[in-house]
Amino acid sequence: MSHRVNAGIAAVAALVLAGAAFHWLRGRSGEAPPAIAAAPMAAAPEKSSDAAEKAASSGAASPAPAKKVAAPEVDAGPPLRTGEVLEYTADVAKLSNVANLRLQVAERRNFLGKSAWHLQAFAHTESPLRMVFELDDQFDSYSDAGMLLSLQYEMHLSERGQKVDSVQRMTTTGKEPAPENATEARVLPGTRDPLGMMQYLRNVDWTKTREVRSPVYDGRKLYDVRAAAAGSSEAVTVPAGSYATNKIEIRVFNGGEEMKDAHFYLYLDHDPLHTPVLLEAMLPFATARVALTSRK
């Protein structure tokens, strides 16, 4: 199997758990996963010009100013429940079950004096692919219980024998020092991490909202993510069953330019929890599907 396909499979695994293209985009750039001490700062929030200047000097990306979009209609709180476990299988082109994926709501707890959700994601490659591309990744997000804005984002990566642990403490002011085991990540107000963004999209009332935009920090760079309603009654069949879903198109922008090789469709069940049942990733060399196999 070619290196290009292997890289795509690993990307899909990380992508689905994060809810966007961030981990995959880093992989395509040829960069190694960041070590804690080397993690760069995201764009500063004072002014658009200042943010762009600091982003350029640090190597981070700042979302370009966008036209105003109506605030999304959301429920009183995210449709999350402690102990929820969603299991997925990833297929790439004609290759089935190349990875198993799990999204988990670990708990709701006090974090930094705020009510927060502890969200987790896990990705593992499956045999026979595992023999040539071993991947065992874990992601942890502490996101505030209201709008799922990121408070801390962690990546515990093990890929081809290389292990990296990165703990990023979010700050919009730079005045809150990070603890000894973490790196301060200065981000724009309203920033979510990939896991928080995935869960946030479940809470949008897509019958009343056409598009939402959010800065998303993936542990290395800051992106502008735009999600738009693309269908309200899409029939989807996955291993877990058949569902009527809302189809959401997700696009990723870096420095104001759309990432042409980062295009996704997320399908949310019409059930009260708006369960993500399918994610389709339009990769340059193939279409990948991450489909729900079970939920608890």
Protein backbone atom coordinates (compact mmCIF):
# COMPACT_ATOMS: atom_id res chain seq x y z
CA MET A 1 0.00 0.00 0.00
CA SER A 2 1.41 3.42 -0.91
CA HIS A 3 2.57 5.97 1.65
CA ARG A 4 -0.01 8.39 0.27
CA VAL A 5 -2.90 6.06 1.11
CA ASN A 6 -1.42 5.31 4.54
CA ALA A 7 -1.20 9.01 5.30
CA GLY A 8 -4.80 9.49 4.23
CA ILE A 9 -6.02 6.71 6.49
CA ALA A 10 -4.24 8.13 9.49
CA ALA A 11 -5.64 11.53 8.61
CA VAL A 12 -9.20 10.27 8.50
CA ALA A 13 -8.88 8.68 11.91
CA ALA A 14 -7.63 11.85 13.54
CA LEU A 15 -9.97 14.02 11.51
CA VAL A 16 -13.14 12.25 12.55
CA LEU A 17 -12.32 12.29 16.19
CA ALA A 18 -11.53 15.97 15.95
CA GLY A 19 -14.37 16.88 13.71
CA ALA A 20 -12.35 18.63 11.03
CA ALA A 21 -9.24 18.44 8.85
CA PHE A 22 -6.73 19.80 11.29
CA HIS A 23 -4.62 16.79 12.17
CA TRP A 24 -4.64 15.64 8.54
CA LEU A 25 -3.62 19.05 7.25
CA ARG A 26 -0.61 19.01 9.55
CA GLY A 27 0.32 15.56 8.27
CA ARG A 28 0.12 16.68 4.63
CA SER A 29 2.47 19.57 5.37
CA GLY A 30 5.15 17.07 6.38
CA GLU A 31 5.46 18.43 9.92
CA ALA A 32 5.99 16.13 12.86
CA PRO A 33 3.49 16.22 15.74
CA PRO A 34 4.35 19.12 18.06
CA ALA A 35 6.17 18.56 21.34
CA ILE A 36 4.85 20.46 24.35
CA ALA A 37 7.70 22.95 24.52
CA ALA A 38 7.59 23.59 20.77
CA ALA A 39 3.88 24.29 20.41
CA PRO A 40 3.45 27.75 18.81
CA MET A 41 1.05 30.41 19.88
CA ALA A 42 -2.16 30.98 17.99
CA ALA A 43 -3.11 34.42 16.73
CA ALA A 44 -3.59 37.13 19.33
CA PRO A 45 -7.01 38.76 19.57
CA GLU A 46 -6.35 42.48 20.09
CA LYS A 47 -6.83 43.76 16.54
CA SER A 48 -7.11 42.11 13.16
CA SER A 49 -3.85 43.67 11.96
CA ASP A 50 -2.02 42.81 15.18
CA ALA A 51 -3.35 39.27 15.11
CA ALA A 52 -2.23 38.76 11.52
CA GLU A 53 1.23 40.17 12.26
CA LYS A 54 1.73 37.94 15.29
CA ALA A 55 0.36 34.94 13.46
CA ALA A 56 2.76 35.49 10.59
CA SER A 57 5.76 35.86 12.91
CA SER A 58 4.87 32.73 14.90
CA GLY A 59 3.90 30.53 11.96
CA ALA A 60 0.32 30.25 13.18
CA ALA A 61 -2.69 31.07 11.05
CA SER A 62 -5.40 33.56 11.90
CA PRO A 63 -8.87 33.39 10.39
CA ALA A 64 -9.42 36.19 7.92
CA PRO A 65 -12.12 38.73 8.74
CA ALA A 66 -15.43 37.44 7.47
CA LYS A 67 -18.69 39.11 6.74
CA LYS A 68 -21.20 39.04 9.55
CA VAL A 69 -23.30 35.94 9.85
CA ALA A 70 -26.49 35.74 11.88
CA ALA A 71 -25.98 34.12 15.28
CA PRO A 72 -26.94 30.44 15.16
CA GLU A 73 -30.06 29.19 16.88
CA VAL A 74 -28.97 26.91 19.71
CA ASP A 75 -30.74 25.03 22.46
CA ALA A 76 -30.38 25.88 26.16
CA GLY A 77 -27.39 23.53 26.40
CA PRO A 78 -25.44 21.04 24.31
CA PRO A 79 -27.26 17.73 23.70
CA LEU A 80 -24.55 15.84 25.56
CA ARG A 81 -24.78 13.28 28.32
CA THR A 82 -22.10 11.94 30.59
CA GLY A 83 -21.02 8.46 29.59
CA GLU A 84 -22.06 8.73 25.93
CA VAL A 85 -19.83 6.51 23.76
CA LEU A 86 -20.02 6.58 19.96
CA GLU A 87 -18.08 3.94 18.01
CA TYR A 88 -17.13 4.34 14.33
CA THR A 89 -15.37 2.48 11.56
CA ALA A 90 -13.35 4.22 8.86
CA ASP A 91 -13.31 3.19 5.18
CA VAL A 92 -11.08 4.76 2.55
CA ALA A 93 -11.90 4.15 -1.12
CA LYS A 94 -12.29 0.36 -1.40
CA LEU A 95 -10.49 -0.34 1.88
CA SER A 96 -12.93 -1.23 4.68
CA ASN A 97 -12.47 -0.92 8.44
CA VAL A 98 -8.99 0.58 8.27
CA ALA A 99 -9.43 2.17 11.71
CA ASN A 100 -11.77 2.08 14.67
CA LEU A 101 -12.75 5.35 16.28
CA ARG A 102 -14.45 6.33 19.51
CA LEU A 103 -15.98 9.61 20.68
CA GLN A 104 -16.72 9.77 24.39
CA VAL A 105 -18.26 12.26 26.82
CA ALA A 106 -16.23 11.49 29.93
CA GLU A 107 -17.85 13.86 32.42
CA ARG A 108 -19.11 17.32 33.24
CA ARG A 109 -16.91 18.92 35.88
CA ASN A 110 -15.44 22.10 37.29
CA PHE A 111 -12.40 23.16 35.29
CA LEU A 112 -10.57 26.41 36.04
CA GLY A 113 -13.61 27.57 38.00
CA LYS A 114 -15.96 26.97 35.07
CA SER A 115 -18.49 24.26 34.35
CA ALA A 116 -16.95 22.23 31.53
CA TRP A 117 -17.35 19.06 29.50
CA HIS A 118 -14.45 16.64 29.35
CA LEU A 119 -14.59 15.24 25.81
CA GLN A 120 -12.40 12.40 24.58
CA ALA A 121 -11.57 10.75 21.29
CA PHE A 122 -9.54 7.66 20.44
CA ALA A 123 -8.25 6.30 17.12
CA HIS A 124 -6.60 2.95 16.36
CA THR A 125 -5.65 1.41 13.04
CA GLU A 126 -6.87 -2.14 12.37
CA SER A 127 -5.12 -5.19 10.93
CA PRO A 128 -3.77 -5.77 8.36
CA LEU A 129 -3.07 -2.05 7.94
CA ARG A 130 -1.78 -1.90 11.51
CA MET A 131 1.21 -4.00 10.47
CA VAL A 132 2.46 -1.16 8.26
CA PHE A 133 0.91 1.90 9.93
CA GLU A 134 0.45 1.67 13.68
CA LEU A 135 -1.64 4.51 15.09
CA ASP A 136 -2.98 4.84 18.63
CA ASP A 137 -4.06 8.42 19.30
CA GLN A 138 -6.01 10.00 22.15
CA PHE A 139 -7.45 13.52 22.25
CA ASP A 140 -8.87 15.28 25.32
CA SER A 141 -10.87 18.51 25.31
CA TYR A 142 -12.05 20.57 28.25
CA SER A 143 -14.72 22.84 26.79
CA ASP A 144 -17.01 25.21 28.65
CA ALA A 145 -20.49 23.83 29.22
CA GLY A 146 -22.26 26.76 27.56
CA MET A 147 -20.84 27.31 24.07
CA LEU A 148 -18.18 24.58 24.12
CA LEU A 149 -15.34 27.10 23.86
CA SER A 150 -11.98 25.50 24.42
CA LEU A 151 -10.31 25.78 27.81
CA GLN A 152 -7.67 23.07 27.30
CA TYR A 153 -6.83 20.70 24.46
CA GLU A 154 -4.59 17.66 24.74
CA MET A 155 -3.06 15.33 22.16
CA HIS A 156 -1.51 12.04 23.25
CA LEU A 157 -0.18 10.59 20.02
CA SER A 158 1.50 7.30 19.20
CA GLU A 159 2.15 6.92 15.48
CA ARG A 160 4.70 4.51 14.00
CA GLY A 161 6.45 4.28 17.35
CA GLN A 162 6.72 8.05 17.80
CA LYS A 163 5.01 9.30 20.96
CA VAL A 164 4.06 12.89 21.65
CA ASP A 165 2.13 14.42 24.55
CA SER A 166 0.88 17.97 24.06
CA VAL A 167 -1.24 19.88 26.60
CA GLN A 168 -2.46 23.30 25.43
CA ARG A 169 -4.05 25.77 27.89
CA MET A 170 -6.15 28.33 26.02
CA THR A 171 -6.00 32.04 26.78
CA THR A 172 -7.35 35.08 24.98
CA THR A 173 -5.35 37.60 27.03
CA GLY A 174 -2.02 35.94 27.79
CA LYS A 175 -2.51 36.84 31.45
CA GLU A 176 -3.42 33.36 32.68
CA PRO A 177 -0.18 31.41 33.12
CA ALA A 178 -0.27 27.79 32.06
CA PRO A 179 0.65 25.11 34.60
CA GLU A 180 4.05 23.45 34.48
CA ASN A 181 2.88 20.51 32.36
CA ALA A 182 1.12 22.64 29.72
CA THR A 183 1.83 25.22 27.04
CA GLU A 184 -0.03 28.52 26.84
CA ALA A 185 -1.92 28.86 23.57
CA ARG A 186 -3.15 32.40 22.92
CA VAL A 187 -6.26 32.23 20.76
CA LEU A 188 -9.05 34.43 19.45
CA PRO A 189 -12.18 34.90 21.56
CA GLY A 190 -14.74 32.24 20.67
CA THR A 191 -12.13 29.62 19.73
CA ARG A 192 -13.04 25.95 19.91
CA ASP A 193 -10.84 22.91 19.59
CA PRO A 194 -11.76 20.17 17.09
CA LEU A 195 -13.64 18.03 19.62
CA GLY A 196 -15.59 20.97 20.98
CA MET A 197 -16.45 22.08 17.44
CA MET A 198 -17.79 18.63 16.57
CA GLN A 199 -20.03 18.63 19.63
CA TYR A 200 -21.06 22.26 19.09
CA LEU A 201 -22.40 21.46 15.63
CA ARG A 202 -24.79 18.98 17.27
CA ASN A 203 -26.36 21.84 19.21
CA VAL A 204 -27.13 24.19 16.31
CA ASP A 205 -30.76 24.38 15.23
CA TRP A 206 -30.18 23.68 11.55
CA THR A 207 -33.84 24.31 10.72
CA LYS A 208 -33.27 27.99 11.54
CA THR A 209 -29.56 28.46 10.86
CA ARG A 210 -27.91 28.29 7.44
CA GLU A 211 -24.26 28.78 8.46
CA VAL A 212 -22.01 29.03 11.50
CA ARG A 213 -18.39 30.11 11.66
CA SER A 214 -15.83 29.55 14.37
CA PRO A 215 -12.09 29.85 14.91
CA VAL A 216 -10.75 26.37 15.67
CA TYR A 217 -7.34 25.68 17.17
CA ASP A 218 -5.99 22.20 16.47
CA GLY A 219 -3.08 22.31 18.91
CA ARG A 220 -0.77 23.93 16.35
CA LYS A 221 -2.60 26.41 14.13
CA LEU A 222 -5.74 28.49 14.15
CA TYR A 223 -8.25 27.94 11.35
CA ASP A 224 -11.54 29.49 10.31
CA VAL A 225 -14.15 26.74 10.05
CA ARG A 226 -17.48 27.30 8.31
CA ALA A 227 -20.36 24.85 8.55
CA ALA A 228 -23.51 25.23 6.47
CA ALA A 229 -26.78 23.34 6.16
CA ALA A 230 -26.74 21.21 3.00
CA GLY A 231 -29.86 19.10 3.45
CA SER A 232 -32.54 18.50 6.08
CA SER A 233 -33.83 15.02 5.26
CA GLU A 234 -30.88 12.99 4.02
CA ALA A 235 -31.37 9.22 4.33
CA VAL A 236 -28.19 7.54 5.59
CA THR A 237 -27.44 3.86 6.19
CA VAL A 238 -24.45 2.90 8.33
CA PRO A 239 -23.57 -0.27 10.29
CA ALA A 240 -25.55 1.03 13.28
CA GLY A 241 -28.76 1.37 11.22
CA SER A 242 -30.68 3.70 8.91
CA TYR A 243 -31.28 7.32 9.83
CA ALA A 244 -32.94 10.52 8.64
CA THR A 245 -30.31 13.22 9.02
CA ASN A 246 -29.35 16.85 8.64
CA LYS A 247 -26.46 17.12 6.17
CA ILE A 248 -23.83 19.71 7.14
CA GLU A 249 -21.07 20.89 4.79
CA ILE A 250 -17.80 21.79 6.54
CA ARG A 251 -15.11 23.95 4.93
CA VAL A 252 -11.75 24.95 6.41
CA PHE A 253 -9.96 28.25 5.73
CA ASN A 254 -6.34 29.14 6.44
CA GLY A 255 -5.36 32.79 6.24
CA GLY A 256 -8.56 33.59 4.36
CA GLU A 257 -7.95 30.93 1.71
CA GLU A 258 -10.12 27.81 1.59
CA MET A 259 -8.23 24.55 1.99
CA LYS A 260 -9.27 22.86 -1.23
CA ASP A 261 -8.28 19.41 0.01
CA ALA A 262 -10.23 19.71 3.27
CA HIS A 263 -13.91 19.33 2.42
CA PHE A 264 -16.32 17.36 4.59
CA TYR A 265 -19.94 16.43 5.08
CA LEU A 266 -21.32 15.62 8.51
CA TYR A 267 -24.66 13.82 8.92
CA LEU A 268 -26.55 14.38 12.20
CA ASP A 269 -29.44 12.17 13.24
CA HIS A 270 -32.83 13.80 13.86
CA ASP A 271 -32.91 12.25 17.36
CA PRO A 272 -32.85 14.60 20.40
CA LEU A 273 -29.09 14.10 20.81
CA HIS A 274 -28.38 14.90 17.12
CA THR A 275 -25.99 11.96 17.00
CA PRO A 276 -23.24 12.18 14.33
CA VAL A 277 -23.85 9.05 12.26
CA LEU A 278 -21.58 9.66 9.26
CA LEU A 279 -18.68 11.85 8.20
CA GLU A 280 -17.54 11.94 4.58
CA ALA A 281 -14.12 13.38 3.78
CA MET A 282 -13.34 14.43 0.22
CA LEU A 283 -9.62 13.60 0.08
CA PRO A 284 -7.51 14.40 -3.01
CA PHE A 285 -7.05 10.71 -3.84
CA ALA A 286 -10.26 9.13 -2.50
CA THR A 287 -13.47 9.58 -0.52
CA ALA A 288 -13.35 8.43 3.07
CA ARG A 289 -16.36 7.45 5.16
CA VAL A 290 -16.44 7.27 8.94
CA ALA A 291 -19.66 5.50 9.90
CA LEU A 292 -21.34 4.89 13.22
CA THR A 293 -21.26 1.27 14.36
CA SER A 294 -22.76 1.60 17.85
CA ARG A 295 -23.80 4.12 20.47
CA LYS A 296 -24.21 3.78 24.22
